[in-house]
Amino acid sequence: MMYKKQNLPELTLRGLILGSILTIIFTASNVYLGLKVGLTFSSSIPAVVISMAVLSLFKTSNILENNMVQTQASAAGTLSSVIFVIPGLFMCGYWSEFPLWQTFMICLCGG
């Protein structure tokens, strides 16, 4: 059986918008849960389910676009672990001088 090669778009504007929205939601909820309960969750599977549901409303959506949204939301959702790492380093005395603005900008950029 021969398969016809298709040129499927992966990086689309709706994918970037949906990924950004999911990123904001999952990062905020992970930070809240981390500070309130002391536990975070992996945002990979919820991001896949939500992006599949939303992208199925469009006729031209495909699996590559869904993968891009899931990867974006999952990678940025793990940024919320900064609520554990930075206070831990500060309490252990690893940082004698705390560069607040530099650390804030690095975290804001996703690093």
PDB file of N, CA and C in Angstrom:
ATOM      1  N   MET A   1       0.828  -1.166   0.000  1.00  0.00           N
ATOM      2  CA  MET A   1       0.000   0.000   0.000  1.00  0.00           C
ATOM      3  C   MET A   1       0.885   1.248   0.000  1.00  0.00           C
ATOM      4  N   MET A   2       0.596   2.157  -0.872  1.00  0.00           N
ATOM      5  CA  MET A   2       1.363   3.394  -0.982  1.00  0.00           C
ATOM      6  C   MET A   2       0.652   4.505  -0.211  1.00  0.00           C
ATOM      7  N   TYR A   3       1.446   5.249   0.506  1.00  0.00           N
ATOM      8  CA  TYR A   3       0.892   6.369   1.254  1.00  0.00           C
ATOM      9  C   TYR A   3       1.277   7.664   0.567  1.00  0.00           C
ATOM     10  N   LYS A   4       0.325   8.543   0.479  1.00  0.00           N
ATOM     11  CA  LYS A   4       0.574   9.844  -0.116  1.00  0.00           C
ATOM     12  C   LYS A   4       1.152  10.771   0.952  1.00  0.00           C
ATOM     13  N   LYS A   5       2.279  11.363   0.650  1.00  0.00           N
ATOM     14  CA  LYS A   5       2.912  12.266   1.604  1.00  0.00           C
ATOM     15  C   LYS A   5       2.132  13.575   1.645  1.00  0.00           C
ATOM     16  N   GLN A   6       1.754  13.975   2.858  1.00  0.00           N
ATOM     17  CA  GLN A   6       1.006  15.208   3.030  1.00  0.00           C
ATOM     18  C   GLN A   6       1.894  16.266   3.666  1.00  0.00           C
ATOM     19  N   ASN A   7       1.631  17.478   3.310  1.00  0.00           N
ATOM     20  CA  ASN A   7       2.357  18.601   3.893  1.00  0.00           C
ATOM     21  C   ASN A   7       1.462  19.218   4.967  1.00  0.00           C
ATOM     22  N   LEU A   8       1.597  18.742   6.199  1.00  0.00           N
ATOM     23  CA  LEU A   8       0.740  19.186   7.291  1.00  0.00           C
ATOM     24  C   LEU A   8       1.397  20.336   8.049  1.00  0.00           C
ATOM     25  N   PRO A   9       0.650  21.401   8.327  1.00  0.00           N
ATOM     26  CA  PRO A   9       1.227  22.502   9.109  1.00  0.00           C
ATOM     27  C   PRO A   9       1.363  22.108  10.574  1.00  0.00           C
ATOM     28  N   GLU A  10       2.477  22.462  11.148  1.00  0.00           N
ATOM     29  CA  GLU A  10       2.719  22.145  12.559  1.00  0.00           C
ATOM     30  C   GLU A  10       2.646  23.390  13.429  1.00  0.00           C
ATOM     31  N   LEU A  11       3.304  24.429  13.019  1.00  0.00           N
ATOM     32  CA  LEU A  11       3.358  25.671  13.791  1.00  0.00           C
ATOM     33  C   LEU A  11       2.329  26.642  13.218  1.00  0.00           C
ATOM     34  N   THR A  12       1.210  26.775  13.900  1.00  0.00           N
ATOM     35  CA  THR A  12       0.135  27.650  13.441  1.00  0.00           C
ATOM     36  C   THR A  12      -0.187  28.679  14.517  1.00  0.00           C
ATOM     37  N   LEU A  13      -0.864  29.728  14.109  1.00  0.00           N
ATOM     38  CA  LEU A  13      -1.227  30.785  15.050  1.00  0.00           C
ATOM     39  C   LEU A  13      -2.200  30.271  16.104  1.00  0.00           C
ATOM     40  N   ARG A  14      -3.182  29.484  15.697  1.00  0.00           N
ATOM     41  CA  ARG A  14      -4.135  28.966  16.686  1.00  0.00           C
ATOM     42  C   ARG A  14      -3.457  28.004  17.655  1.00  0.00           C
ATOM     43  N   GLY A  15      -2.454  27.272  17.186  1.00  0.00           N
ATOM     44  CA  GLY A  15      -1.698  26.398  18.076  1.00  0.00           C
ATOM     45  C   GLY A  15      -0.898  27.182  19.098  1.00  0.00           C
ATOM     46  N   LEU A  16      -0.290  28.269  18.651  1.00  0.00           N
ATOM     47  CA  LEU A  16       0.470  29.114  19.576  1.00  0.00           C
ATOM     48  C   LEU A  16      -0.438  29.785  20.599  1.00  0.00           C
ATOM     49  N   ILE A  17      -1.593  30.245  20.155  1.00  0.00           N
ATOM     50  CA  ILE A  17      -2.532  30.887  21.079  1.00  0.00           C
ATOM     51  C   ILE A  17      -3.059  29.878  22.091  1.00  0.00           C
ATOM     52  N   LEU A  18      -3.468  28.705  21.614  1.00  0.00           N
ATOM     53  CA  LEU A  18      -3.976  27.674  22.522  1.00  0.00           C
ATOM     54  C   LEU A  18      -2.890  27.206  23.485  1.00  0.00           C
ATOM     55  N   GLY A  19      -1.672  27.031  22.987  1.00  0.00           N
ATOM     56  CA  GLY A  19      -0.566  26.640  23.852  1.00  0.00           C
ATOM     57  C   GLY A  19      -0.259  27.686  24.906  1.00  0.00           C
ATOM     58  N   SER A  20      -0.348  28.957  24.532  1.00  0.00           N
ATOM     59  CA  SER A  20      -0.106  30.033  25.499  1.00  0.00           C
ATOM     60  C   SER A  20      -1.182  30.073  26.574  1.00  0.00           C
ATOM     61  N   ILE A  21      -2.425  29.879  26.171  1.00  0.00           N
ATOM     62  CA  ILE A  21      -3.519  29.874  27.148  1.00  0.00           C
ATOM     63  C   ILE A  21      -3.366  28.706  28.116  1.00  0.00           C
ATOM     64  N   LEU A  22      -3.079  27.520  27.580  1.00  0.00           N
ATOM     65  CA  LEU A  22      -2.889  26.353  28.444  1.00  0.00           C
ATOM     66  C   LEU A  22      -1.678  26.520  29.351  1.00  0.00           C
ATOM     67  N   THR A  23      -0.638  27.154  28.835  1.00  0.00           N
ATOM     68  CA  THR A  23       0.557  27.404  29.640  1.00  0.00           C
ATOM     69  C   THR A  23       0.238  28.292  30.836  1.00  0.00           C
ATOM     70  N   ILE A  24      -0.489  29.360  30.603  1.00  0.00           N
ATOM     71  CA  ILE A  24      -0.845  30.272  31.692  1.00  0.00           C
ATOM     72  C   ILE A  24      -1.706  29.558  32.726  1.00  0.00           C
ATOM     73  N   ILE A  25      -2.684  28.800  32.260  1.00  0.00           N
ATOM     74  CA  ILE A  25      -3.590  28.105  33.185  1.00  0.00           C
ATOM     75  C   ILE A  25      -2.842  27.064  34.010  1.00  0.00           C
ATOM     76  N   PHE A  26      -2.042  26.218  33.351  1.00  0.00           N
ATOM     77  CA  PHE A  26      -1.363  25.144  34.071  1.00  0.00           C
ATOM     78  C   PHE A  26      -0.246  25.664  34.971  1.00  0.00           C
ATOM     79  N   THR A  27       0.456  26.696  34.548  1.00  0.00           N
ATOM     80  CA  THR A  27       1.501  27.252  35.403  1.00  0.00           C
ATOM     81  C   THR A  27       0.893  27.898  36.645  1.00  0.00           C
ATOM     82  N   ALA A  28      -0.183  28.648  36.460  1.00  0.00           N
ATOM     83  CA  ALA A  28      -0.835  29.282  37.611  1.00  0.00           C
ATOM     84  C   ALA A  28      -1.402  28.239  38.571  1.00  0.00           C
ATOM     85  N   SER A  29      -2.020  27.207  38.030  1.00  0.00           N
ATOM     86  CA  SER A  29      -2.592  26.185  38.919  1.00  0.00           C
ATOM     87  C   SER A  29      -1.505  25.370  39.610  1.00  0.00           C
ATOM     88  N   ASN A  30      -0.393  25.120  38.925  1.00  0.00           N
ATOM     89  CA  ASN A  30       0.710  24.401  39.562  1.00  0.00           C
ATOM     90  C   ASN A  30       1.358  25.228  40.667  1.00  0.00           C
ATOM     91  N   VAL A  31       1.508  26.511  40.440  1.00  0.00           N
ATOM     92  CA  VAL A  31       2.070  27.375  41.481  1.00  0.00           C
ATOM     93  C   VAL A  31       1.132  27.427  42.679  1.00  0.00           C
ATOM     94  N   TYR A  32      -0.157  27.566  42.429  1.00  0.00           N
ATOM     95  CA  TYR A  32      -1.126  27.608  43.527  1.00  0.00           C
ATOM     96  C   TYR A  32      -1.112  26.305  44.318  1.00  0.00           C
ATOM     97  N   LEU A  33      -1.188  25.178  43.612  1.00  0.00           N
ATOM     98  CA  LEU A  33      -1.180  23.889  44.308  1.00  0.00           C
ATOM     99  C   LEU A  33       0.141  23.651  45.033  1.00  0.00           C
ATOM    100  N   GLY A  34       1.235  24.063  44.417  1.00  0.00           N
ATOM    101  CA  GLY A  34       2.533  23.876  45.046  1.00  0.00           C
ATOM    102  C   GLY A  34       2.680  24.659  46.328  1.00  0.00           C
ATOM    103  N   LEU A  35       2.179  25.871  46.333  1.00  0.00           N
ATOM    104  CA  LEU A  35       2.274  26.691  47.539  1.00  0.00           C
ATOM    105  C   LEU A  35       1.240  26.305  48.584  1.00  0.00           C
ATOM    106  N   LYS A  36       0.070  25.906  48.156  1.00  0.00           N
ATOM    107  CA  LYS A  36      -1.012  25.591  49.089  1.00  0.00           C
ATOM    108  C   LYS A  36      -0.892  24.174  49.645  1.00  0.00           C
ATOM    109  N   VAL A  37      -0.597  23.203  48.776  1.00  0.00           N
ATOM    110  CA  VAL A  37      -0.607  21.796  49.177  1.00  0.00           C
ATOM    111  C   VAL A  37       0.803  21.217  49.266  1.00  0.00           C
ATOM    112  N   GLY A  38       1.743  21.807  48.532  1.00  0.00           N
ATOM    113  CA  GLY A  38       3.098  21.268  48.510  1.00  0.00           C
ATOM    114  C   GLY A  38       3.275  20.187  47.464  1.00  0.00           C
ATOM    115  N   LEU A  39       2.429  20.192  46.452  1.00  0.00           N
ATOM    116  CA  LEU A  39       2.441  19.143  45.433  1.00  0.00           C
ATOM    117  C   LEU A  39       2.033  19.758  44.101  1.00  0.00           C
ATOM    118  N   THR A  40       2.696  19.360  43.031  1.00  0.00           N
ATOM    119  CA  THR A  40       2.309  19.816  41.697  1.00  0.00           C
ATOM    120  C   THR A  40       1.928  18.616  40.846  1.00  0.00           C
ATOM    121  N   PHE A  41       1.396  18.869  39.674  1.00  0.00           N
ATOM    122  CA  PHE A  41       0.995  17.795  38.775  1.00  0.00           C
ATOM    123  C   PHE A  41       1.649  17.987  37.419  1.00  0.00           C
ATOM    124  N   SER A  42       1.745  16.910  36.678  1.00  0.00           N
ATOM    125  CA  SER A  42       2.272  16.975  35.322  1.00  0.00           C
ATOM    126  C   SER A  42       1.178  17.483  34.399  1.00  0.00           C
ATOM    127  N   SER A  43       1.491  18.486  33.625  1.00  0.00           N
ATOM    128  CA  SER A  43       0.473  19.090  32.770  1.00  0.00           C
ATOM    129  C   SER A  43       0.441  18.491  31.373  1.00  0.00           C
ATOM    130  N   SER A  44       1.189  17.446  31.134  1.00  0.00           N
ATOM    131  CA  SER A  44       1.276  16.876  29.794  1.00  0.00           C
ATOM    132  C   SER A  44      -0.033  16.232  29.338  1.00  0.00           C
ATOM    133  N   ILE A  45      -0.580  15.335  30.137  1.00  0.00           N
ATOM    134  CA  ILE A  45      -1.794  14.620  29.730  1.00  0.00           C
ATOM    135  C   ILE A  45      -3.014  15.543  29.699  1.00  0.00           C
ATOM    136  N   PRO A  46      -3.232  16.402  30.703  1.00  0.00           N
ATOM    137  CA  PRO A  46      -4.361  17.334  30.565  1.00  0.00           C
ATOM    138  C   PRO A  46      -4.225  18.261  29.359  1.00  0.00           C
ATOM    139  N   ALA A  47      -2.996  18.661  29.028  1.00  0.00           N
ATOM    140  CA  ALA A  47      -2.795  19.521  27.860  1.00  0.00           C
ATOM    141  C   ALA A  47      -3.163  18.796  26.573  1.00  0.00           C
ATOM    142  N   VAL A  48      -2.827  17.513  26.477  1.00  0.00           N
ATOM    143  CA  VAL A  48      -3.182  16.736  25.285  1.00  0.00           C
ATOM    144  C   VAL A  48      -4.690  16.625  25.146  1.00  0.00           C
ATOM    145  N   VAL A  49      -5.358  16.294  26.230  1.00  0.00           N
ATOM    146  CA  VAL A  49      -6.808  16.099  26.177  1.00  0.00           C
ATOM    147  C   VAL A  49      -7.520  17.400  25.815  1.00  0.00           C
ATOM    148  N   ILE A  50      -7.133  18.491  26.451  1.00  0.00           N
ATOM    149  CA  ILE A  50      -7.784  19.774  26.171  1.00  0.00           C
ATOM    150  C   ILE A  50      -7.477  20.247  24.759  1.00  0.00           C
ATOM    151  N   SER A  51      -6.224  20.117  24.323  1.00  0.00           N
ATOM    152  CA  SER A  51      -5.890  20.575  22.973  1.00  0.00           C
ATOM    153  C   SER A  51      -6.558  19.714  21.906  1.00  0.00           C
ATOM    154  N   MET A  52      -6.700  18.414  22.144  1.00  0.00           N
ATOM    155  CA  MET A  52      -7.424  17.574  21.183  1.00  0.00           C
ATOM    156  C   MET A  52      -8.886  17.984  21.099  1.00  0.00           C
ATOM    157  N   ALA A  53      -9.480  18.294  22.240  1.00  0.00           N
ATOM    158  CA  ALA A  53     -10.887  18.703  22.245  1.00  0.00           C
ATOM    159  C   ALA A  53     -11.088  20.037  21.533  1.00  0.00           C
ATOM    160  N   VAL A  54     -10.211  20.991  21.798  1.00  0.00           N
ATOM    161  CA  VAL A  54     -10.362  22.309  21.183  1.00  0.00           C
ATOM    162  C   VAL A  54     -10.017  22.264  19.698  1.00  0.00           C
ATOM    163  N   LEU A  55      -8.926  21.592  19.345  1.00  0.00           N
ATOM    164  CA  LEU A  55      -8.521  21.549  17.940  1.00  0.00           C
ATOM    165  C   LEU A  55      -9.446  20.699  17.078  1.00  0.00           C
ATOM    166  N   SER A  56     -10.211  19.812  17.688  1.00  0.00           N
ATOM    167  CA  SER A  56     -11.152  19.016  16.889  1.00  0.00           C
ATOM    168  C   SER A  56     -12.307  19.871  16.367  1.00  0.00           C
ATOM    169  N   LEU A  57     -12.476  21.065  16.903  1.00  0.00           N
ATOM    170  CA  LEU A  57     -13.507  21.976  16.406  1.00  0.00           C
ATOM    171  C   LEU A  57     -13.135  22.589  15.061  1.00  0.00           C
ATOM    172  N   PHE A  58     -11.865  22.528  14.702  1.00  0.00           N
ATOM    173  CA  PHE A  58     -11.387  23.072  13.431  1.00  0.00           C
ATOM    174  C   PHE A  58     -11.208  21.944  12.423  1.00  0.00           C
ATOM    175  N   LYS A  59     -11.569  22.199  11.180  1.00  0.00           N
ATOM    176  CA  LYS A  59     -11.468  21.158  10.149  1.00  0.00           C
ATOM    177  C   LYS A  59     -10.025  20.870   9.753  1.00  0.00           C
ATOM    178  N   THR A  60      -9.182  21.881   9.803  1.00  0.00           N
ATOM    179  CA  THR A  60      -7.826  21.719   9.277  1.00  0.00           C
ATOM    180  C   THR A  60      -6.791  21.375  10.338  1.00  0.00           C
ATOM    181  N   SER A  61      -7.222  21.041  11.541  1.00  0.00           N
ATOM    182  CA  SER A  61      -6.241  20.696  12.576  1.00  0.00           C
ATOM    183  C   SER A  61      -5.681  19.301  12.328  1.00  0.00           C
ATOM    184  N   ASN A  62      -4.483  19.057  12.842  1.00  0.00           N
ATOM    185  CA  ASN A  62      -3.845  17.753  12.654  1.00  0.00           C
ATOM    186  C   ASN A  62      -3.068  17.373  13.912  1.00  0.00           C
ATOM    187  N   ILE A  63      -2.512  16.188  13.890  1.00  0.00           N
ATOM    188  CA  ILE A  63      -1.820  15.646  15.059  1.00  0.00           C
ATOM    189  C   ILE A  63      -0.520  16.397  15.355  1.00  0.00           C
ATOM    190  N   LEU A  64       0.128  16.935  14.337  1.00  0.00           N
ATOM    191  CA  LEU A  64       1.367  17.683  14.560  1.00  0.00           C
ATOM    192  C   LEU A  64       1.099  18.984  15.311  1.00  0.00           C
ATOM    193  N   GLU A  65       0.002  19.622  14.968  1.00  0.00           N
ATOM    194  CA  GLU A  65      -0.379  20.847  15.669  1.00  0.00           C
ATOM    195  C   GLU A  65      -0.735  20.538  17.124  1.00  0.00           C
ATOM    196  N   ASN A  66      -1.421  19.436  17.336  1.00  0.00           N
ATOM    197  CA  ASN A  66      -1.763  19.010  18.691  1.00  0.00           C
ATOM    198  C   ASN A  66      -0.500  18.703  19.496  1.00  0.00           C
ATOM    199  N   ASN A  67       0.465  18.078  18.867  1.00  0.00           N
ATOM    200  CA  ASN A  67       1.727  17.766  19.534  1.00  0.00           C
ATOM    201  C   ASN A  67       2.474  19.037  19.931  1.00  0.00           C
ATOM    202  N   MET A  68       2.433  20.041  19.071  1.00  0.00           N
ATOM    203  CA  MET A  68       3.105  21.301  19.372  1.00  0.00           C
ATOM    204  C   MET A  68       2.450  21.992  20.568  1.00  0.00           C
ATOM    205  N   VAL A  69       1.115  21.993  20.620  1.00  0.00           N
ATOM    206  CA  VAL A  69       0.400  22.605  21.741  1.00  0.00           C
ATOM    207  C   VAL A  69       0.721  21.869  23.034  1.00  0.00           C
ATOM    208  N   GLN A  70       0.724  20.549  22.977  1.00  0.00           N
ATOM    209  CA  GLN A  70       1.003  19.740  24.169  1.00  0.00           C
ATOM    210  C   GLN A  70       2.423  19.974  24.666  1.00  0.00           C
ATOM    211  N   THR A  71       3.371  20.025  23.765  1.00  0.00           N
ATOM    212  CA  THR A  71       4.761  20.243  24.154  1.00  0.00           C
ATOM    213  C   THR A  71       4.948  21.620  24.778  1.00  0.00           C
ATOM    214  N   GLN A  72       4.331  22.619  24.183  1.00  0.00           N
ATOM    215  CA  GLN A  72       4.431  23.978  24.713  1.00  0.00           C
ATOM    216  C   GLN A  72       3.830  24.066  26.111  1.00  0.00           C
ATOM    217  N   ALA A  73       2.653  23.526  26.300  1.00  0.00           N
ATOM    218  CA  ALA A  73       1.993  23.595  27.607  1.00  0.00           C
ATOM    219  C   ALA A  73       2.724  22.757  28.647  1.00  0.00           C
ATOM    220  N   SER A  74       3.250  21.625  28.238  1.00  0.00           N
ATOM    221  CA  SER A  74       3.950  20.752  29.174  1.00  0.00           C
ATOM    222  C   SER A  74       5.278  21.355  29.614  1.00  0.00           C
ATOM    223  N   ALA A  75       6.024  21.903  28.667  1.00  0.00           N
ATOM    224  CA  ALA A  75       7.327  22.479  28.996  1.00  0.00           C
ATOM    225  C   ALA A  75       7.185  23.717  29.868  1.00  0.00           C
ATOM    226  N   ALA A  76       6.245  24.557  29.556  1.00  0.00           N
ATOM    227  CA  ALA A  76       6.070  25.766  30.350  1.00  0.00           C
ATOM    228  C   ALA A  76       5.385  25.476  31.678  1.00  0.00           C
ATOM    229  N   GLY A  77       4.593  24.421  31.737  1.00  0.00           N
ATOM    230  CA  GLY A  77       3.944  24.063  32.992  1.00  0.00           C
ATOM    231  C   GLY A  77       4.925  23.595  34.044  1.00  0.00           C
ATOM    232  N   THR A  78       6.059  23.068  33.611  1.00  0.00           N
ATOM    233  CA  THR A  78       7.071  22.632  34.569  1.00  0.00           C
ATOM    234  C   THR A  78       7.862  23.804  35.144  1.00  0.00           C
ATOM    235  N   LEU A  79       7.694  24.976  34.579  1.00  0.00           N
ATOM    236  CA  LEU A  79       8.373  26.161  35.101  1.00  0.00           C
ATOM    237  C   LEU A  79       7.917  26.483  36.516  1.00  0.00           C
ATOM    238  N   SER A  80       6.743  26.003  36.876  1.00  0.00           N
ATOM    239  CA  SER A  80       6.232  26.290  38.217  1.00  0.00           C
ATOM    240  C   SER A  80       7.047  25.608  39.310  1.00  0.00           C
ATOM    241  N   SER A  81       7.932  24.699  38.946  1.00  0.00           N
ATOM    242  CA  SER A  81       8.783  24.064  39.959  1.00  0.00           C
ATOM    243  C   SER A  81       9.780  25.051  40.563  1.00  0.00           C
ATOM    244  N   VAL A  82       9.844  26.237  39.994  1.00  0.00           N
ATOM    245  CA  VAL A  82      10.727  27.266  40.532  1.00  0.00           C
ATOM    246  C   VAL A  82      10.302  27.655  41.955  1.00  0.00           C
ATOM    247  N   ILE A  83       9.038  27.392  42.325  1.00  0.00           N
ATOM    248  CA  ILE A  83       8.582  27.719  43.679  1.00  0.00           C
ATOM    249  C   ILE A  83       9.215  26.816  44.722  1.00  0.00           C
ATOM    250  N   PHE A  84       9.775  25.683  44.296  1.00  0.00           N
ATOM    251  CA  PHE A  84      10.467  24.791  45.225  1.00  0.00           C
ATOM    252  C   PHE A  84      11.977  25.018  45.198  1.00  0.00           C
ATOM    253  N   VAL A  85      12.526  25.215  44.017  1.00  0.00           N
ATOM    254  CA  VAL A  85      13.975  25.265  43.850  1.00  0.00           C
ATOM    255  C   VAL A  85      14.572  26.537  44.442  1.00  0.00           C
ATOM    256  N   ILE A  86      14.050  27.680  44.075  1.00  0.00           N
ATOM    257  CA  ILE A  86      14.640  28.941  44.523  1.00  0.00           C
ATOM    258  C   ILE A  86      14.538  29.124  46.039  1.00  0.00           C
ATOM    259  N   PRO A  87      13.380  28.898  46.663  1.00  0.00           N
ATOM    260  CA  PRO A  87      13.361  29.002  48.135  1.00  0.00           C
ATOM    261  C   PRO A  87      14.261  27.977  48.818  1.00  0.00           C
ATOM    262  N   GLY A  88      14.377  26.785  48.238  1.00  0.00           N
ATOM    263  CA  GLY A  88      15.255  25.767  48.818  1.00  0.00           C
ATOM    264  C   GLY A  88      16.711  26.191  48.784  1.00  0.00           C
ATOM    265  N   LEU A  89      17.153  26.749  47.657  1.00  0.00           N
ATOM    266  CA  LEU A  89      18.528  27.234  47.558  1.00  0.00           C
ATOM    267  C   LEU A  89      18.767  28.403  48.509  1.00  0.00           C
ATOM    268  N   PHE A  90      17.772  29.241  48.657  1.00  0.00           N
ATOM    269  CA  PHE A  90      17.903  30.392  49.550  1.00  0.00           C
ATOM    270  C   PHE A  90      17.966  29.956  51.012  1.00  0.00           C
ATOM    271  N   MET A  91      17.130  28.999  51.416  1.00  0.00           N
ATOM    272  CA  MET A  91      17.110  28.541  52.812  1.00  0.00           C
ATOM    273  C   MET A  91      18.346  27.735  53.173  1.00  0.00           C
ATOM    274  N   CYS A  92      18.929  27.029  52.207  1.00  0.00           N
ATOM    275  CA  CYS A  92      20.142  26.251  52.478  1.00  0.00           C
ATOM    276  C   CYS A  92      21.378  27.132  52.571  1.00  0.00           C
ATOM    277  N   GLY A  93      21.242  28.392  52.221  1.00  0.00           N
ATOM    278  CA  GLY A  93      22.374  29.293  52.282  1.00  0.00           C
ATOM    279  C   GLY A  93      23.269  29.211  51.063  1.00  0.00           C
ATOM    280  N   TYR A  94      22.773  28.600  49.992  1.00  0.00           N
ATOM    281  CA  TYR A  94      23.577  28.493  48.781  1.00  0.00           C
ATOM    282  C   TYR A  94      23.782  29.856  48.143  1.00  0.00           C
ATOM    283  N   TRP A  95      22.767  30.684  48.202  1.00  0.00           N
ATOM    284  CA  TRP A  95      22.879  32.044  47.695  1.00  0.00           C
ATOM    285  C   TRP A  95      23.076  32.989  48.857  1.00  0.00           C
ATOM    286  N   SER A  96      24.248  33.595  48.934  1.00  0.00           N
ATOM    287  CA  SER A  96      24.460  34.584  49.993  1.00  0.00           C
ATOM    288  C   SER A  96      23.885  35.931  49.568  1.00  0.00           C
ATOM    289  N   GLU A  97      24.011  36.236  48.310  1.00  0.00           N
ATOM    290  CA  GLU A  97      23.401  37.448  47.763  1.00  0.00           C
ATOM    291  C   GLU A  97      22.340  37.004  46.770  1.00  0.00           C
ATOM    292  N   PHE A  98      21.132  37.413  46.992  1.00  0.00           N
ATOM    293  CA  PHE A  98      20.007  36.969  46.180  1.00  0.00           C
ATOM    294  C   PHE A  98      19.737  37.989  45.079  1.00  0.00           C
ATOM    295  N   PRO A  99      20.127  37.701  43.824  1.00  0.00           N
ATOM    296  CA  PRO A  99      19.866  38.638  42.722  1.00  0.00           C
ATOM    297  C   PRO A  99      18.397  38.542  42.285  1.00  0.00           C
ATOM    298  N   LEU A 100      17.539  39.275  42.962  1.00  0.00           N
ATOM    299  CA  LEU A 100      16.097  39.138  42.782  1.00  0.00           C
ATOM    300  C   LEU A 100      15.649  39.437  41.352  1.00  0.00           C
ATOM    301  N   TRP A 101      16.045  40.569  40.805  1.00  0.00           N
ATOM    302  CA  TRP A 101      15.564  40.944  39.469  1.00  0.00           C
ATOM    303  C   TRP A 101      16.148  40.059  38.384  1.00  0.00           C
ATOM    304  N   GLN A 102      17.396  39.684  38.527  1.00  0.00           N
ATOM    305  CA  GLN A 102      18.004  38.787  37.540  1.00  0.00           C
ATOM    306  C   GLN A 102      17.310  37.428  37.560  1.00  0.00           C
ATOM    307  N   THR A 103      17.043  36.898  38.731  1.00  0.00           N
ATOM    308  CA  THR A 103      16.340  35.622  38.854  1.00  0.00           C
ATOM    309  C   THR A 103      14.919  35.732  38.328  1.00  0.00           C
ATOM    310  N   PHE A 104      14.247  36.837  38.616  1.00  0.00           N
ATOM    311  CA  PHE A 104      12.891  37.051  38.126  1.00  0.00           C
ATOM    312  C   PHE A 104      12.851  37.072  36.605  1.00  0.00           C
ATOM    313  N   MET A 105      13.793  37.758  35.983  1.00  0.00           N
ATOM    314  CA  MET A 105      13.812  37.844  34.518  1.00  0.00           C
ATOM    315  C   MET A 105      14.138  36.497  33.877  1.00  0.00           C
ATOM    316  N   ILE A 106      15.033  35.734  34.488  1.00  0.00           N
ATOM    317  CA  ILE A 106      15.351  34.404  33.964  1.00  0.00           C
ATOM    318  C   ILE A 106      14.130  33.499  34.038  1.00  0.00           C
ATOM    319  N   CYS A 107      13.427  33.543  35.160  1.00  0.00           N
ATOM    320  CA  CYS A 107      12.210  32.729  35.308  1.00  0.00           C
ATOM    321  C   CYS A 107      11.109  33.199  34.377  1.00  0.00           C
ATOM    322  N   LEU A 108      11.014  34.499  34.159  1.00  0.00           N
ATOM    323  CA  LEU A 108       9.999  35.044  33.267  1.00  0.00           C
ATOM    324  C   LEU A 108      10.236  34.607  31.823  1.00  0.00           C
ATOM    325  N   CYS A 109      11.506  34.477  31.447  1.00  0.00           N
ATOM    326  CA  CYS A 109      11.835  34.035  30.087  1.00  0.00           C
ATOM    327  C   CYS A 109      11.725  32.526  29.914  1.00  0.00           C
ATOM    328  N   GLY A 110      11.457  31.816  30.973  1.00  0.00           N
ATOM    329  CA  GLY A 110      11.272  30.375  30.859  1.00  0.00           C
ATOM    330  C   GLY A 110      12.512  29.569  31.168  1.00  0.00           C
ATOM    331  N   GLY A 111      13.512  30.169  31.735  1.00  0.00           N
ATOM    332  CA  GLY A 111      14.738  29.443  32.015  1.00  0.00           C
ATOM    333  C   GLY A 111      14.855  29.129  33.433  1.00  0.00           C
TER     334      GLY A 111
END
